[in-house]
Amino acid sequence: MLIKPSAKEPLVLGVRVWPQAIPQFLVGHLDILDAAKAAITNADLQGLFLAGNYVSGVALGRCVEGAYEVASEVNNFLSQYAYK
């Protein structure tokens, strides 16, 4: 389902699921995340959000906090398209 008829076709780059993996944050991980977020912005991929334990941290509490943070970002993005 498209949000609006003039929306571009979705682009799937790839997904790899590691069901029993725990992220190992190496030196420079935050720089890589910042670069990924900047690349999303520069590519004008509005509506693409990064979320998960590799973004917020592996602890359950941080995952929940991160989920709320991204949900707020998604809400702000989608509110642009809400009927008023």
C-alpha atoms as a PDB file:
ATOM      1  CA  MET A   1       0.000   0.000   0.000  1.00  0.00           C
ATOM      2  CA  LEU A   2       1.406   3.373  -0.947  1.00  0.00           C
ATOM      3  CA  ILE A   3       0.930   6.419   1.243  1.00  0.00           C
ATOM      4  CA  LYS A   4       0.222   8.543  -1.815  1.00  0.00           C
ATOM      5  CA  PRO A   5      -0.260   7.686  -5.495  1.00  0.00           C
ATOM      6  CA  SER A   6       2.793   9.706  -6.585  1.00  0.00           C
ATOM      7  CA  ALA A   7       5.144   7.853  -4.201  1.00  0.00           C
ATOM      8  CA  LYS A   8       8.197   6.187  -5.704  1.00  0.00           C
ATOM      9  CA  GLU A   9       8.334   2.407  -5.930  1.00  0.00           C
ATOM     10  CA  PRO A  10       9.979   0.836  -2.855  1.00  0.00           C
ATOM     11  CA  LEU A  11      13.589  -0.237  -3.175  1.00  0.00           C
ATOM     12  CA  VAL A  12      14.800  -3.308  -1.285  1.00  0.00           C
ATOM     13  CA  LEU A  13      18.561  -3.369  -0.899  1.00  0.00           C
ATOM     14  CA  GLY A  14      18.750  -6.550   1.151  1.00  0.00           C
ATOM     15  CA  VAL A  15      18.088  -8.017   4.551  1.00  0.00           C
ATOM     16  CA  ARG A  16      20.074 -10.574   6.489  1.00  0.00           C
ATOM     17  CA  VAL A  17      18.645 -12.037   9.690  1.00  0.00           C
ATOM     18  CA  TRP A  18      20.954 -13.550  12.301  1.00  0.00           C
ATOM     19  CA  PRO A  19      18.456 -15.048  14.807  1.00  0.00           C
ATOM     20  CA  GLN A  20      20.957 -15.775  17.586  1.00  0.00           C
ATOM     21  CA  ALA A  21      23.400 -12.927  17.100  1.00  0.00           C
ATOM     22  CA  ILE A  22      24.254 -10.184  19.574  1.00  0.00           C
ATOM     23  CA  PRO A  23      25.799  -7.064  18.031  1.00  0.00           C
ATOM     24  CA  GLN A  24      29.451  -6.493  18.851  1.00  0.00           C
ATOM     25  CA  PHE A  25      30.104  -2.766  18.813  1.00  0.00           C
ATOM     26  CA  LEU A  26      33.580  -2.016  17.526  1.00  0.00           C
ATOM     27  CA  VAL A  27      35.480   1.255  17.739  1.00  0.00           C
ATOM     28  CA  GLY A  28      33.850   3.634  15.281  1.00  0.00           C
ATOM     29  CA  HIS A  29      30.388   2.045  15.441  1.00  0.00           C
ATOM     30  CA  LEU A  30      28.672   5.345  16.268  1.00  0.00           C
ATOM     31  CA  ASP A  31      30.503   7.041  13.394  1.00  0.00           C
ATOM     32  CA  ILE A  32      29.234   4.332  11.038  1.00  0.00           C
ATOM     33  CA  LEU A  33      25.662   4.834  12.293  1.00  0.00           C
ATOM     34  CA  ASP A  34      25.984   8.594  11.823  1.00  0.00           C
ATOM     35  CA  ALA A  35      27.268   8.030   8.284  1.00  0.00           C
ATOM     36  CA  ALA A  36      24.381   5.655   7.535  1.00  0.00           C
ATOM     37  CA  LYS A  37      21.839   8.190   8.786  1.00  0.00           C
ATOM     38  CA  ALA A  38      23.508  10.931   6.743  1.00  0.00           C
ATOM     39  CA  ALA A  39      23.453   8.699   3.646  1.00  0.00           C
ATOM     40  CA  ILE A  40      19.719   8.109   4.123  1.00  0.00           C
ATOM     41  CA  THR A  41      19.165  11.857   4.331  1.00  0.00           C
ATOM     42  CA  ASN A  42      21.449  12.635   1.374  1.00  0.00           C
ATOM     43  CA  ALA A  43      19.739   9.984  -0.770  1.00  0.00           C
ATOM     44  CA  ASP A  44      16.370  11.566   0.064  1.00  0.00           C
ATOM     45  CA  LEU A  45      15.047   8.296   1.464  1.00  0.00           C
ATOM     46  CA  GLN A  46      12.412   9.958   3.597  1.00  0.00           C
ATOM     47  CA  GLY A  47      10.489   7.466   5.679  1.00  0.00           C
ATOM     48  CA  LEU A  48      13.405   5.068   6.125  1.00  0.00           C
ATOM     49  CA  PHE A  49      14.321   4.681   9.786  1.00  0.00           C
ATOM     50  CA  LEU A  50      17.061   2.664  11.463  1.00  0.00           C
ATOM     51  CA  ALA A  51      15.995   0.764  14.562  1.00  0.00           C
ATOM     52  CA  GLY A  52      17.109  -2.221  16.560  1.00  0.00           C
ATOM     53  CA  ASN A  53      19.698  -3.287  19.063  1.00  0.00           C
ATOM     54  CA  TYR A  54      22.537  -2.367  16.707  1.00  0.00           C
ATOM     55  CA  VAL A  55      21.325   1.257  16.903  1.00  0.00           C
ATOM     56  CA  SER A  56      20.221   1.702  20.509  1.00  0.00           C
ATOM     57  CA  GLY A  57      22.178  -0.949  22.411  1.00  0.00           C
ATOM     58  CA  VAL A  58      21.789  -4.610  23.253  1.00  0.00           C
ATOM     59  CA  ALA A  59      20.251  -4.209  26.722  1.00  0.00           C
ATOM     60  CA  LEU A  60      16.479  -4.741  26.778  1.00  0.00           C
ATOM     61  CA  GLY A  61      15.875  -1.361  28.407  1.00  0.00           C
ATOM     62  CA  ARG A  62      17.838   0.472  25.710  1.00  0.00           C
ATOM     63  CA  CYS A  63      16.009  -1.477  22.991  1.00  0.00           C
ATOM     64  CA  VAL A  64      12.664  -0.365  24.428  1.00  0.00           C
ATOM     65  CA  GLU A  65      13.849   3.243  24.754  1.00  0.00           C
ATOM     66  CA  GLY A  66      15.194   3.142  21.212  1.00  0.00           C
ATOM     67  CA  ALA A  67      11.890   1.755  19.949  1.00  0.00           C
ATOM     68  CA  TYR A  68      10.000   4.642  21.558  1.00  0.00           C
ATOM     69  CA  GLU A  69      12.462   7.149  20.073  1.00  0.00           C
ATOM     70  CA  VAL A  70      12.080   5.750  16.556  1.00  0.00           C
ATOM     71  CA  ALA A  71       8.303   5.456  16.969  1.00  0.00           C
ATOM     72  CA  SER A  72       8.260   9.176  17.770  1.00  0.00           C
ATOM     73  CA  GLU A  73      10.307   9.904  14.627  1.00  0.00           C
ATOM     74  CA  VAL A  74       7.922   7.778  12.540  1.00  0.00           C
ATOM     75  CA  ASN A  75       4.924   9.540  14.090  1.00  0.00           C
ATOM     76  CA  ASN A  76       6.404  12.947  13.268  1.00  0.00           C
ATOM     77  CA  PHE A  77       7.096  11.840   9.699  1.00  0.00           C
ATOM     78  CA  LEU A  78       3.639  10.371   9.139  1.00  0.00           C
ATOM     79  CA  SER A  79       1.875  13.353  10.728  1.00  0.00           C
ATOM     80  CA  GLN A  80       2.866  15.340   7.622  1.00  0.00           C
ATOM     81  CA  TYR A  81       0.436  13.175   5.666  1.00  0.00           C
ATOM     82  CA  ALA A  82      -2.421  13.117   8.169  1.00  0.00           C
ATOM     83  CA  TYR A  83      -5.819  14.425   7.161  1.00  0.00           C
ATOM     84  CA  LYS A  84      -6.531  17.733   8.820  1.00  0.00           C
END
